[in-house]
Amino acid sequence: MLDFQDLQKELHFDREAVVEADIYPNRTGRVKFRGSYWPARCRRGITLRRGERCYVVDVCNITLMVDVRLATE
């Protein structure tokens, strides 16, 4: 299982995650990322639904910041 310290050391942003609990604007949901579940928020003011793919673009404490597409696009 990936722990938070490992995530901080090894996180390469723009990695794909899958939404496990809906992420609403300004609210925390949950994603599955690299085999573990993490609290997540979307950088944009949009809703991400369970099953949608997203990308980890940043981390704030233990919350992953996600986006709907690669930051490099």
Foldseek 3Di string as FASTA:
>chain_A
DDDPVNCVVDPDWFAKWFFAFKAAAPRWGWIQDPNDIFIEHEPDRHIDHGGQMWIFHDQDPRYTYTYNHGPVD
